[in-house]
Amino acid sequence: MALLLKEDDVSKLLTMDMALAALEETFRERGKGNAMVRQRTRLAMPGGTQNLMGGWVGGSINAYGLKVYGGPRSAPAPPTGMLVLLYDGSSGRLLSIIEANQLGRMRTGAASGVATKYMARRDASTVGVIGSGNQAATQLEAVCRVRNIRQAWVYSRTQASRQAFAQRMSQELGLPVTAADSGEACVRNADVVITITNSAEPVLKGAWLKQGAHVNAAGSNRMLASEIDDEAIRRADLIVADDTLQARIECGELIAATARGVVRWEQVHELADVLVGRVPGRPAPDSITLFESQGIGTEDVAAARAVYEAALERGLGQQIPL
């Protein structure tokens, strides 16, 4: 038997606090050598792409798994979207089959939250978000969970979209969220900056960043796409990735910047090393720090395990025979 969890189940079960705790634990376990990442592979199919990624996490998570998503671009909507298969780390038994679109949004936001917790100034109180799509809300929520945020700004290309996002998040988070008129206006006073777009061209210029800012570059995981420009990378005193090997494969801005001599791969560190203290998360109060988030399989495993355990406690989901 395996527990089938649908999107509605995940939405009821997985809170941001749960996701933050799960991801913090998985990065710490990886820093101790107790987790492994299966880097994302992409299979080009006629009319679309299949994506496959996964990982193993030891410790109290004690699980491994795979995530698959993608399909024909011509389809109005994939029949299942993202799916995670969660296995027990000791017995190898398939524990759960999880529809994972909401899980993916939550774990991506939580990864930025964990990075912010360890890399941003402790007194950070303002956030600028570039992007207002379906990933932006969890990014802002996660940052607000780890810092005492008093003001946020949002900018996206469509005025109606950014205004709607600002209104909704103001109500949900109980703080002023203002729609900015430009990317520069959105981030120039921000202690924490988030880019979460599907843009292939830079939406954040390094010249806009104030000293002491922390940047979560969370939208781009394609080799030929860059959300931030070379100056943002050049100004960063510390650059951290969720997985440096995956960054070498698909972090377009770092791939381009290393090719142009702006930065060397040896200067890019792992978030796991920050959590276990091998790399200081903030070199100095006025340092600019950068987290490059590609999204990795161990994040899915950790979040899936948290959802599975919560489902057992609350009696949600459907046991299906195998």
C-alpha atoms as a PDB file:
ATOM      1  CA  MET A   1       0.000   0.000   0.000  1.00  0.00           C
ATOM      2  CA  ALA A   2       1.074   3.568  -0.691  1.00  0.00           C
ATOM      3  CA  LEU A   3      -0.579   6.799   0.387  1.00  0.00           C
ATOM      4  CA  LEU A   4      -1.922   8.902  -2.474  1.00  0.00           C
ATOM      5  CA  LEU A   5      -1.948  12.607  -1.635  1.00  0.00           C
ATOM      6  CA  LYS A   6      -3.718  15.000  -3.997  1.00  0.00           C
ATOM      7  CA  GLU A   7      -3.121  18.723  -4.355  1.00  0.00           C
ATOM      8  CA  ASP A   8      -5.973  19.516  -1.960  1.00  0.00           C
ATOM      9  CA  ASP A   9      -4.388  17.287   0.678  1.00  0.00           C
ATOM     10  CA  VAL A  10      -1.009  18.978   0.313  1.00  0.00           C
ATOM     11  CA  SER A  11      -2.582  22.433   0.570  1.00  0.00           C
ATOM     12  CA  LYS A  12      -4.292  21.439   3.822  1.00  0.00           C
ATOM     13  CA  LEU A  13      -1.194  19.838   5.320  1.00  0.00           C
ATOM     14  CA  LEU A  14       1.944  21.735   4.334  1.00  0.00           C
ATOM     15  CA  THR A  15       2.522  25.036   6.122  1.00  0.00           C
ATOM     16  CA  MET A  16       5.449  27.337   5.474  1.00  0.00           C
ATOM     17  CA  ASP A  17       6.821  26.691   8.949  1.00  0.00           C
ATOM     18  CA  MET A  18       6.828  22.948   8.196  1.00  0.00           C
ATOM     19  CA  ALA A  19       8.553  23.510   4.861  1.00  0.00           C
ATOM     20  CA  LEU A  20      11.197  25.762   6.415  1.00  0.00           C
ATOM     21  CA  ALA A  21      11.964  23.231   9.144  1.00  0.00           C
ATOM     22  CA  ALA A  22      12.173  20.358   6.655  1.00  0.00           C
ATOM     23  CA  LEU A  23      14.469  22.200   4.264  1.00  0.00           C
ATOM     24  CA  GLU A  24      16.708  23.534   7.008  1.00  0.00           C
ATOM     25  CA  GLU A  25      17.146  19.973   8.234  1.00  0.00           C
ATOM     26  CA  THR A  26      17.892  18.584   4.778  1.00  0.00           C
ATOM     27  CA  PHE A  27      20.554  21.223   4.064  1.00  0.00           C
ATOM     28  CA  ARG A  28      22.109  20.583   7.460  1.00  0.00           C
ATOM     29  CA  GLU A  29      22.139  16.824   6.827  1.00  0.00           C
ATOM     30  CA  ARG A  30      23.784  17.442   3.485  1.00  0.00           C
ATOM     31  CA  GLY A  31      26.409  19.582   5.164  1.00  0.00           C
ATOM     32  CA  LYS A  32      27.187  16.586   7.367  1.00  0.00           C
ATOM     33  CA  GLY A  33      27.527  14.328   4.323  1.00  0.00           C
ATOM     34  CA  ASN A  34      24.186  12.696   5.010  1.00  0.00           C
ATOM     35  CA  ALA A  35      22.285  13.556   1.818  1.00  0.00           C
ATOM     36  CA  MET A  36      22.741  13.117  -1.928  1.00  0.00           C
ATOM     37  CA  VAL A  37      21.266  15.041  -4.864  1.00  0.00           C
ATOM     38  CA  ARG A  38      20.219  13.537  -8.175  1.00  0.00           C
ATOM     39  CA  GLN A  39      20.669  16.516 -10.480  1.00  0.00           C
ATOM     40  CA  ARG A  40      17.777  17.412 -12.757  1.00  0.00           C
ATOM     41  CA  THR A  41      17.828  15.871 -16.214  1.00  0.00           C
ATOM     42  CA  ARG A  42      15.661  17.083 -19.067  1.00  0.00           C
ATOM     43  CA  LEU A  43      14.438  14.900 -21.918  1.00  0.00           C
ATOM     44  CA  ALA A  44      13.424  16.807 -25.029  1.00  0.00           C
ATOM     45  CA  MET A  45      10.320  15.162 -26.465  1.00  0.00           C
ATOM     46  CA  PRO A  46       8.320  16.110 -29.547  1.00  0.00           C
ATOM     47  CA  GLY A  47       6.463  19.194 -28.409  1.00  0.00           C
ATOM     48  CA  GLY A  48       7.730  19.318 -24.848  1.00  0.00           C
ATOM     49  CA  THR A  49      10.191  18.359 -22.112  1.00  0.00           C
ATOM     50  CA  GLN A  50      10.217  15.721 -19.378  1.00  0.00           C
ATOM     51  CA  ASN A  51      12.079  16.670 -16.197  1.00  0.00           C
ATOM     52  CA  LEU A  52      13.381  14.167 -13.640  1.00  0.00           C
ATOM     53  CA  MET A  53      15.144  14.877 -10.334  1.00  0.00           C
ATOM     54  CA  GLY A  54      15.525  13.294  -6.924  1.00  0.00           C
ATOM     55  CA  GLY A  55      17.678  12.634  -3.912  1.00  0.00           C
ATOM     56  CA  TRP A  56      18.253  10.883  -0.604  1.00  0.00           C
ATOM     57  CA  VAL A  57      18.270  12.445   2.861  1.00  0.00           C
ATOM     58  CA  GLY A  58      19.320  10.599   6.003  1.00  0.00           C
ATOM     59  CA  GLY A  59      18.866  11.570   9.628  1.00  0.00           C
ATOM     60  CA  SER A  60      15.322  11.851  10.911  1.00  0.00           C
ATOM     61  CA  ILE A  61      14.013  12.424   7.372  1.00  0.00           C
ATOM     62  CA  ASN A  62      15.370   9.017   6.268  1.00  0.00           C
ATOM     63  CA  ALA A  63      13.839   8.979   2.805  1.00  0.00           C
ATOM     64  CA  TYR A  64      14.636   9.123  -0.870  1.00  0.00           C
ATOM     65  CA  GLY A  65      12.530   9.926  -3.867  1.00  0.00           C
ATOM     66  CA  LEU A  66      12.000  11.115  -7.402  1.00  0.00           C
ATOM     67  CA  LYS A  67      10.070  13.990  -8.922  1.00  0.00           C
ATOM     68  CA  VAL A  68       8.857  14.011 -12.502  1.00  0.00           C
ATOM     69  CA  TYR A  69       7.108  16.823 -14.331  1.00  0.00           C
ATOM     70  CA  GLY A  70       6.657  18.400 -17.732  1.00  0.00           C
ATOM     71  CA  GLY A  71       5.057  17.138 -20.911  1.00  0.00           C
ATOM     72  CA  PRO A  72       3.663  18.387 -24.209  1.00  0.00           C
ATOM     73  CA  ARG A  73       3.524  22.167 -24.349  1.00  0.00           C
ATOM     74  CA  SER A  74       0.421  21.924 -26.545  1.00  0.00           C
ATOM     75  CA  ALA A  75      -1.620  20.301 -23.767  1.00  0.00           C
ATOM     76  CA  PRO A  76      -4.017  22.773 -22.078  1.00  0.00           C
ATOM     77  CA  ALA A  77      -2.775  21.473 -18.702  1.00  0.00           C
ATOM     78  CA  PRO A  78      -0.753  18.398 -17.734  1.00  0.00           C
ATOM     79  CA  PRO A  79      -3.109  15.726 -16.341  1.00  0.00           C
ATOM     80  CA  THR A  80      -1.125  15.437 -13.109  1.00  0.00           C
ATOM     81  CA  GLY A  81       1.531  18.170 -13.251  1.00  0.00           C
ATOM     82  CA  MET A  82       4.347  17.405 -10.815  1.00  0.00           C
ATOM     83  CA  LEU A  83       4.502  14.028  -9.063  1.00  0.00           C
ATOM     84  CA  VAL A  84       6.793  12.972  -6.212  1.00  0.00           C
ATOM     85  CA  LEU A  85       7.433   9.324  -5.344  1.00  0.00           C
ATOM     86  CA  LEU A  86       8.556   9.062  -1.708  1.00  0.00           C
ATOM     87  CA  TYR A  87      10.406   5.969  -0.453  1.00  0.00           C
ATOM     88  CA  ASP A  88      11.439   4.945   3.053  1.00  0.00           C
ATOM     89  CA  GLY A  89      15.198   5.199   3.479  1.00  0.00           C
ATOM     90  CA  SER A  90      15.512   1.980   5.507  1.00  0.00           C
ATOM     91  CA  SER A  91      13.054  -0.464   3.943  1.00  0.00           C
ATOM     92  CA  GLY A  92      12.928   0.933   0.411  1.00  0.00           C
ATOM     93  CA  ARG A  93       9.128   0.760   0.547  1.00  0.00           C
ATOM     94  CA  LEU A  94       7.145   3.223  -1.552  1.00  0.00           C
ATOM     95  CA  LEU A  95       5.447   5.374   1.075  1.00  0.00           C
ATOM     96  CA  SER A  96       3.547   7.923  -0.939  1.00  0.00           C
ATOM     97  CA  ILE A  97       2.612   9.239  -4.365  1.00  0.00           C
ATOM     98  CA  ILE A  98       2.150  12.990  -4.090  1.00  0.00           C
ATOM     99  CA  GLU A  99       0.763  15.544  -6.508  1.00  0.00           C
ATOM    100  CA  ALA A 100       3.406  18.181  -6.023  1.00  0.00           C
ATOM    101  CA  ASN A 101       2.598  21.508  -7.655  1.00  0.00           C
ATOM    102  CA  GLN A 102       1.819  23.172  -4.307  1.00  0.00           C
ATOM    103  CA  LEU A 103       4.616  21.228  -2.641  1.00  0.00           C
ATOM    104  CA  GLY A 104       6.989  22.612  -5.275  1.00  0.00           C
ATOM    105  CA  ARG A 105       5.913  26.192  -4.652  1.00  0.00           C
ATOM    106  CA  MET A 106       6.292  25.789  -0.904  1.00  0.00           C
ATOM    107  CA  ARG A 107       9.709  24.132  -0.980  1.00  0.00           C
ATOM    108  CA  THR A 108      11.056  26.696  -3.463  1.00  0.00           C
ATOM    109  CA  GLY A 109       9.925  29.512  -1.205  1.00  0.00           C
ATOM    110  CA  ALA A 110      11.290  27.727   1.848  1.00  0.00           C
ATOM    111  CA  ALA A 111      14.721  27.327   0.232  1.00  0.00           C
ATOM    112  CA  SER A 112      14.914  31.110  -0.124  1.00  0.00           C
ATOM    113  CA  GLY A 113      13.683  31.429   3.440  1.00  0.00           C
ATOM    114  CA  VAL A 114      16.458  29.197   4.766  1.00  0.00           C
ATOM    115  CA  ALA A 115      19.056  31.112   2.755  1.00  0.00           C
ATOM    116  CA  THR A 116      17.678  34.410   4.065  1.00  0.00           C
ATOM    117  CA  LYS A 117      17.781  33.150   7.651  1.00  0.00           C
ATOM    118  CA  TYR A 118      21.496  32.396   7.404  1.00  0.00           C
ATOM    119  CA  MET A 119      22.672  35.063   4.932  1.00  0.00           C
ATOM    120  CA  ALA A 120      20.602  38.245   5.370  1.00  0.00           C
ATOM    121  CA  ARG A 121      21.246  40.882   8.009  1.00  0.00           C
ATOM    122  CA  ARG A 122      19.517  40.036  11.275  1.00  0.00           C
ATOM    123  CA  ASP A 123      17.865  43.468  11.275  1.00  0.00           C
ATOM    124  CA  ALA A 124      16.561  43.141   7.699  1.00  0.00           C
ATOM    125  CA  SER A 125      13.072  44.656   7.614  1.00  0.00           C
ATOM    126  CA  THR A 126      12.305  45.424   3.952  1.00  0.00           C
ATOM    127  CA  VAL A 127      11.821  43.165   0.919  1.00  0.00           C
ATOM    128  CA  GLY A 128      11.656  43.809  -2.808  1.00  0.00           C
ATOM    129  CA  VAL A 129      10.092  41.111  -5.002  1.00  0.00           C
ATOM    130  CA  ILE A 130      10.521  41.175  -8.767  1.00  0.00           C
ATOM    131  CA  GLY A 131       7.857  38.862 -10.155  1.00  0.00           C
ATOM    132  CA  SER A 132       4.228  38.314  -9.182  1.00  0.00           C
ATOM    133  CA  GLY A 133       3.457  34.871 -10.590  1.00  0.00           C
ATOM    134  CA  ASN A 134       2.420  31.709  -8.764  1.00  0.00           C
ATOM    135  CA  GLN A 135       5.851  31.245  -7.114  1.00  0.00           C
ATOM    136  CA  ALA A 136       6.149  34.790  -5.757  1.00  0.00           C
ATOM    137  CA  ALA A 137       3.757  34.474  -2.816  1.00  0.00           C
ATOM    138  CA  THR A 138       5.631  31.628  -1.120  1.00  0.00           C
ATOM    139  CA  GLN A 139       8.927  33.454  -1.633  1.00  0.00           C
ATOM    140  CA  LEU A 140       7.670  36.495   0.245  1.00  0.00           C
ATOM    141  CA  GLU A 141       5.923  34.428   2.912  1.00  0.00           C
ATOM    142  CA  ALA A 142       9.088  32.446   3.652  1.00  0.00           C
ATOM    143  CA  VAL A 143      11.229  35.567   4.058  1.00  0.00           C
ATOM    144  CA  CYS A 144       8.622  37.068   6.381  1.00  0.00           C
ATOM    145  CA  ARG A 145       8.811  33.931   8.537  1.00  0.00           C
ATOM    146  CA  VAL A 146      12.557  34.299   9.168  1.00  0.00           C
ATOM    147  CA  ARG A 147      12.896  38.090   9.466  1.00  0.00           C
ATOM    148  CA  ASN A 148      10.785  40.829  11.037  1.00  0.00           C
ATOM    149  CA  ILE A 149       9.641  42.377   7.766  1.00  0.00           C
ATOM    150  CA  ARG A 150       7.822  45.702   8.011  1.00  0.00           C
ATOM    151  CA  GLN A 151       7.565  46.755   4.343  1.00  0.00           C
ATOM    152  CA  ALA A 152       7.606  44.971   0.987  1.00  0.00           C
ATOM    153  CA  TRP A 153       7.476  46.108  -2.618  1.00  0.00           C
ATOM    154  CA  VAL A 154       6.625  44.126  -5.732  1.00  0.00           C
ATOM    155  CA  TYR A 155       7.280  44.805  -9.392  1.00  0.00           C
ATOM    156  CA  SER A 156       6.265  42.844 -12.467  1.00  0.00           C
ATOM    157  CA  ARG A 157       5.712  43.771 -16.085  1.00  0.00           C
ATOM    158  CA  THR A 158       1.910  43.817 -15.831  1.00  0.00           C
ATOM    159  CA  GLN A 159       0.519  46.590 -13.656  1.00  0.00           C
ATOM    160  CA  ALA A 160      -2.713  44.771 -12.844  1.00  0.00           C
ATOM    161  CA  SER A 161      -0.816  41.668 -11.781  1.00  0.00           C
ATOM    162  CA  ARG A 162       1.544  43.467  -9.408  1.00  0.00           C
ATOM    163  CA  GLN A 163      -1.279  45.512  -7.909  1.00  0.00           C
ATOM    164  CA  ALA A 164      -3.366  42.393  -7.291  1.00  0.00           C
ATOM    165  CA  PHE A 165      -0.376  40.642  -5.732  1.00  0.00           C
ATOM    166  CA  ALA A 166       0.334  43.609  -3.464  1.00  0.00           C
ATOM    167  CA  GLN A 167      -3.260  43.760  -2.264  1.00  0.00           C
ATOM    168  CA  ARG A 168      -3.517  40.021  -1.633  1.00  0.00           C
ATOM    169  CA  MET A 169      -0.192  39.692   0.179  1.00  0.00           C
ATOM    170  CA  SER A 170      -0.865  42.771   2.307  1.00  0.00           C
ATOM    171  CA  GLN A 171      -3.986  41.044   3.576  1.00  0.00           C
ATOM    172  CA  GLU A 172      -2.386  37.618   4.007  1.00  0.00           C
ATOM    173  CA  LEU A 173       0.794  38.803   5.735  1.00  0.00           C
ATOM    174  CA  GLY A 174      -0.563  41.807   7.603  1.00  0.00           C
ATOM    175  CA  LEU A 175       2.089  44.246   6.385  1.00  0.00           C
ATOM    176  CA  PRO A 176       2.301  46.964   3.733  1.00  0.00           C
ATOM    177  CA  VAL A 177       3.062  45.496   0.295  1.00  0.00           C
ATOM    178  CA  THR A 178       3.317  48.202  -2.347  1.00  0.00           C
ATOM    179  CA  ALA A 179       3.259  47.818  -6.126  1.00  0.00           C
ATOM    180  CA  ALA A 180       6.346  49.625  -7.457  1.00  0.00           C
ATOM    181  CA  ASP A 181       6.545  51.381 -10.810  1.00  0.00           C
ATOM    182  CA  SER A 182       9.916  49.884 -11.790  1.00  0.00           C
ATOM    183  CA  GLY A 183      12.387  47.201 -10.832  1.00  0.00           C
ATOM    184  CA  GLU A 184      14.751  49.813  -9.435  1.00  0.00           C
ATOM    185  CA  ALA A 185      12.048  51.390  -7.282  1.00  0.00           C
ATOM    186  CA  CYS A 186      11.163  47.928  -6.006  1.00  0.00           C
ATOM    187  CA  VAL A 187      14.637  46.996  -4.741  1.00  0.00           C
ATOM    188  CA  ARG A 188      16.674  50.139  -4.090  1.00  0.00           C
ATOM    189  CA  ASN A 189      15.664  50.302  -0.393  1.00  0.00           C
ATOM    190  CA  ALA A 190      15.248  46.558   0.127  1.00  0.00           C
ATOM    191  CA  ASP A 191      17.298  44.607   2.663  1.00  0.00           C
ATOM    192  CA  VAL A 192      16.207  41.370   0.964  1.00  0.00           C
ATOM    193  CA  VAL A 193      15.675  41.147  -2.800  1.00  0.00           C
ATOM    194  CA  ILE A 194      13.851  38.296  -4.528  1.00  0.00           C
ATOM    195  CA  THR A 195      13.794  37.620  -8.257  1.00  0.00           C
ATOM    196  CA  ILE A 196      11.185  35.044  -9.216  1.00  0.00           C
ATOM    197  CA  THR A 197      10.393  35.416 -12.921  1.00  0.00           C
ATOM    198  CA  ASN A 198      10.630  33.391 -16.122  1.00  0.00           C
ATOM    199  CA  SER A 199      12.577  36.134 -17.877  1.00  0.00           C
ATOM    200  CA  ALA A 200      15.506  35.156 -20.075  1.00  0.00           C
ATOM    201  CA  GLU A 201      17.011  38.642 -19.682  1.00  0.00           C
ATOM    202  CA  PRO A 202      18.143  40.328 -16.444  1.00  0.00           C
ATOM    203  CA  VAL A 203      15.364  41.915 -14.402  1.00  0.00           C
ATOM    204  CA  LEU A 204      17.724  42.967 -11.586  1.00  0.00           C
ATOM    205  CA  LYS A 205      20.705  45.263 -12.048  1.00  0.00           C
ATOM    206  CA  GLY A 206      23.506  45.181  -9.525  1.00  0.00           C
ATOM    207  CA  ALA A 207      23.699  48.976  -9.532  1.00  0.00           C
ATOM    208  CA  TRP A 208      20.284  49.060  -7.844  1.00  0.00           C
ATOM    209  CA  LEU A 209      21.384  47.072  -4.772  1.00  0.00           C
ATOM    210  CA  LYS A 210      22.167  48.841  -1.530  1.00  0.00           C
ATOM    211  CA  GLN A 211      25.079  47.770   0.647  1.00  0.00           C
ATOM    212  CA  GLY A 212      24.114  44.978   3.022  1.00  0.00           C
ATOM    213  CA  ALA A 213      21.408  43.576   0.752  1.00  0.00           C
ATOM    214  CA  HIS A 214      20.754  39.867   0.399  1.00  0.00           C
ATOM    215  CA  VAL A 215      19.507  38.548  -2.967  1.00  0.00           C
ATOM    216  CA  ASN A 216      17.527  35.361  -3.591  1.00  0.00           C
ATOM    217  CA  ALA A 217      17.711  34.657  -7.340  1.00  0.00           C
ATOM    218  CA  ALA A 218      15.040  31.979  -7.528  1.00  0.00           C
ATOM    219  CA  GLY A 219      13.405  32.098 -10.947  1.00  0.00           C
ATOM    220  CA  SER A 220      16.004  30.977 -13.467  1.00  0.00           C
ATOM    221  CA  ASN A 221      17.088  27.362 -13.871  1.00  0.00           C
ATOM    222  CA  ARG A 222      17.837  27.402 -17.575  1.00  0.00           C
ATOM    223  CA  MET A 223      21.287  27.559 -19.116  1.00  0.00           C
ATOM    224  CA  LEU A 224      20.396  30.416 -21.464  1.00  0.00           C
ATOM    225  CA  ALA A 225      18.382  32.529 -19.001  1.00  0.00           C
ATOM    226  CA  SER A 226      19.653  35.177 -16.570  1.00  0.00           C
ATOM    227  CA  GLU A 227      17.506  37.061 -14.044  1.00  0.00           C
ATOM    228  CA  ILE A 228      20.361  39.175 -12.683  1.00  0.00           C
ATOM    229  CA  ASP A 229      23.120  41.031 -14.492  1.00  0.00           C
ATOM    230  CA  ASP A 230      26.902  40.683 -14.218  1.00  0.00           C
ATOM    231  CA  GLU A 231      27.152  43.678 -11.891  1.00  0.00           C
ATOM    232  CA  ALA A 232      24.925  41.985  -9.308  1.00  0.00           C
ATOM    233  CA  ILE A 233      27.256  38.985  -9.374  1.00  0.00           C
ATOM    234  CA  ARG A 234      30.374  41.174  -9.338  1.00  0.00           C
ATOM    235  CA  ARG A 235      29.148  43.108  -6.289  1.00  0.00           C
ATOM    236  CA  ALA A 236      28.289  39.987  -4.304  1.00  0.00           C
ATOM    237  CA  ASP A 237      30.763  39.352  -1.482  1.00  0.00           C
ATOM    238  CA  LEU A 238      29.365  35.837  -1.049  1.00  0.00           C
ATOM    239  CA  ILE A 239      27.674  33.634  -3.654  1.00  0.00           C
ATOM    240  CA  VAL A 240      25.886  30.487  -2.507  1.00  0.00           C
ATOM    241  CA  ALA A 241      23.956  27.873  -4.495  1.00  0.00           C
ATOM    242  CA  ASP A 242      21.626  25.119  -3.354  1.00  0.00           C
ATOM    243  CA  ASP A 243      23.812  22.720  -5.370  1.00  0.00           C
ATOM    244  CA  THR A 244      26.951  23.847  -7.174  1.00  0.00           C
ATOM    245  CA  LEU A 245      26.971  20.927  -9.610  1.00  0.00           C
ATOM    246  CA  GLN A 246      23.428  21.664 -10.708  1.00  0.00           C
ATOM    247  CA  ALA A 247      24.314  25.361 -10.931  1.00  0.00           C
ATOM    248  CA  ARG A 248      27.117  24.499 -13.353  1.00  0.00           C
ATOM    249  CA  ILE A 249      24.544  22.741 -15.531  1.00  0.00           C
ATOM    250  CA  GLU A 250      21.643  25.185 -15.533  1.00  0.00           C
ATOM    251  CA  CYS A 251      22.305  28.459 -13.678  1.00  0.00           C
ATOM    252  CA  GLY A 252      22.401  30.698 -16.728  1.00  0.00           C
ATOM    253  CA  GLU A 253      23.623  33.837 -14.978  1.00  0.00           C
ATOM    254  CA  LEU A 254      26.566  32.092 -13.304  1.00  0.00           C
ATOM    255  CA  ILE A 255      27.422  30.101 -16.421  1.00  0.00           C
ATOM    256  CA  ALA A 256      27.576  33.328 -18.438  1.00  0.00           C
ATOM    257  CA  ALA A 257      29.389  35.263 -15.700  1.00  0.00           C
ATOM    258  CA  THR A 258      32.099  32.619 -15.313  1.00  0.00           C
ATOM    259  CA  ALA A 259      32.578  32.490 -19.081  1.00  0.00           C
ATOM    260  CA  ARG A 260      33.116  36.267 -19.084  1.00  0.00           C
ATOM    261  CA  GLY A 261      35.521  36.152 -16.141  1.00  0.00           C
ATOM    262  CA  VAL A 262      33.200  37.989 -13.739  1.00  0.00           C
ATOM    263  CA  VAL A 263      33.408  35.181 -11.178  1.00  0.00           C
ATOM    264  CA  ARG A 264      35.059  31.773 -10.802  1.00  0.00           C
ATOM    265  CA  TRP A 265      33.192  28.615  -9.881  1.00  0.00           C
ATOM    266  CA  GLU A 266      35.559  28.230  -6.928  1.00  0.00           C
ATOM    267  CA  GLN A 267      33.903  31.337  -5.450  1.00  0.00           C
ATOM    268  CA  VAL A 268      30.449  29.692  -5.429  1.00  0.00           C
ATOM    269  CA  HIS A 269      29.659  27.864  -2.186  1.00  0.00           C
ATOM    270  CA  GLU A 270      26.995  25.394  -1.065  1.00  0.00           C
ATOM    271  CA  LEU A 271      24.130  26.458   1.196  1.00  0.00           C
ATOM    272  CA  ALA A 272      24.725  23.258   3.160  1.00  0.00           C
ATOM    273  CA  ASP A 273      28.218  24.476   4.055  1.00  0.00           C
ATOM    274  CA  VAL A 274      26.738  27.702   5.396  1.00  0.00           C
ATOM    275  CA  LEU A 275      24.329  25.824   7.648  1.00  0.00           C
ATOM    276  CA  VAL A 276      27.044  23.699   9.252  1.00  0.00           C
ATOM    277  CA  GLY A 277      29.393  26.664   9.702  1.00  0.00           C
ATOM    278  CA  ARG A 278      32.083  25.879   7.137  1.00  0.00           C
ATOM    279  CA  VAL A 279      31.252  29.088   5.259  1.00  0.00           C
ATOM    280  CA  PRO A 280      30.103  32.282   7.054  1.00  0.00           C
ATOM    281  CA  GLY A 281      26.689  33.272   5.737  1.00  0.00           C
ATOM    282  CA  ARG A 282      27.362  37.007   6.114  1.00  0.00           C
ATOM    283  CA  PRO A 283      30.992  38.129   5.828  1.00  0.00           C
ATOM    284  CA  ALA A 284      30.204  41.624   7.182  1.00  0.00           C
ATOM    285  CA  PRO A 285      27.097  43.715   7.955  1.00  0.00           C
ATOM    286  CA  ASP A 286      27.446  45.720   4.731  1.00  0.00           C
ATOM    287  CA  SER A 287      28.238  42.700   2.530  1.00  0.00           C
ATOM    288  CA  ILE A 288      26.034  41.914  -0.442  1.00  0.00           C
ATOM    289  CA  THR A 289      25.119  38.225  -0.444  1.00  0.00           C
ATOM    290  CA  LEU A 290      23.584  36.167  -3.249  1.00  0.00           C
ATOM    291  CA  PHE A 291      21.688  32.870  -3.124  1.00  0.00           C
ATOM    292  CA  GLU A 292      21.270  31.111  -6.470  1.00  0.00           C
ATOM    293  CA  SER A 293      18.325  28.726  -6.189  1.00  0.00           C
ATOM    294  CA  GLN A 294      17.904  26.123  -8.917  1.00  0.00           C
ATOM    295  CA  GLY A 295      15.612  23.782  -6.978  1.00  0.00           C
ATOM    296  CA  ILE A 296      17.026  20.364  -6.041  1.00  0.00           C
ATOM    297  CA  GLY A 297      15.594  16.930  -5.390  1.00  0.00           C
ATOM    298  CA  THR A 298      16.487  16.733  -1.707  1.00  0.00           C
ATOM    299  CA  GLU A 299      14.181  19.696  -1.127  1.00  0.00           C
ATOM    300  CA  ASP A 300      11.302  17.706  -2.624  1.00  0.00           C
ATOM    301  CA  VAL A 301      12.157  14.635  -0.545  1.00  0.00           C
ATOM    302  CA  ALA A 302      12.256  16.633   2.695  1.00  0.00           C
ATOM    303  CA  ALA A 303       8.990  18.447   2.012  1.00  0.00           C
ATOM    304  CA  ALA A 304       7.317  15.232   0.858  1.00  0.00           C
ATOM    305  CA  ARG A 305       8.346  13.424   4.040  1.00  0.00           C
ATOM    306  CA  ALA A 306       6.877  16.237   6.138  1.00  0.00           C
ATOM    307  CA  VAL A 307       3.597  16.101   4.200  1.00  0.00           C
ATOM    308  CA  TYR A 308       3.439  12.305   4.454  1.00  0.00           C
ATOM    309  CA  GLU A 309       3.935  12.281   8.226  1.00  0.00           C
ATOM    310  CA  ALA A 310       1.335  15.030   8.670  1.00  0.00           C
ATOM    311  CA  ALA A 311      -1.134  13.094   6.503  1.00  0.00           C
ATOM    312  CA  LEU A 312      -0.742  10.002   8.670  1.00  0.00           C
ATOM    313  CA  GLU A 313      -1.393  12.056  11.799  1.00  0.00           C
ATOM    314  CA  ARG A 314      -4.516  13.691  10.370  1.00  0.00           C
ATOM    315  CA  GLY A 315      -5.864  10.724   8.444  1.00  0.00           C
ATOM    316  CA  LEU A 316      -5.764  12.407   5.046  1.00  0.00           C
ATOM    317  CA  GLY A 317      -5.040  10.792   1.696  1.00  0.00           C
ATOM    318  CA  GLN A 318      -6.021   7.484   0.146  1.00  0.00           C
ATOM    319  CA  GLN A 319      -4.196   4.194   0.660  1.00  0.00           C
ATOM    320  CA  ILE A 320      -3.858   2.441  -2.689  1.00  0.00           C
ATOM    321  CA  PRO A 321      -2.726  -1.150  -3.335  1.00  0.00           C
ATOM    322  CA  LEU A 322       0.431  -1.721  -5.340  1.00  0.00           C
END
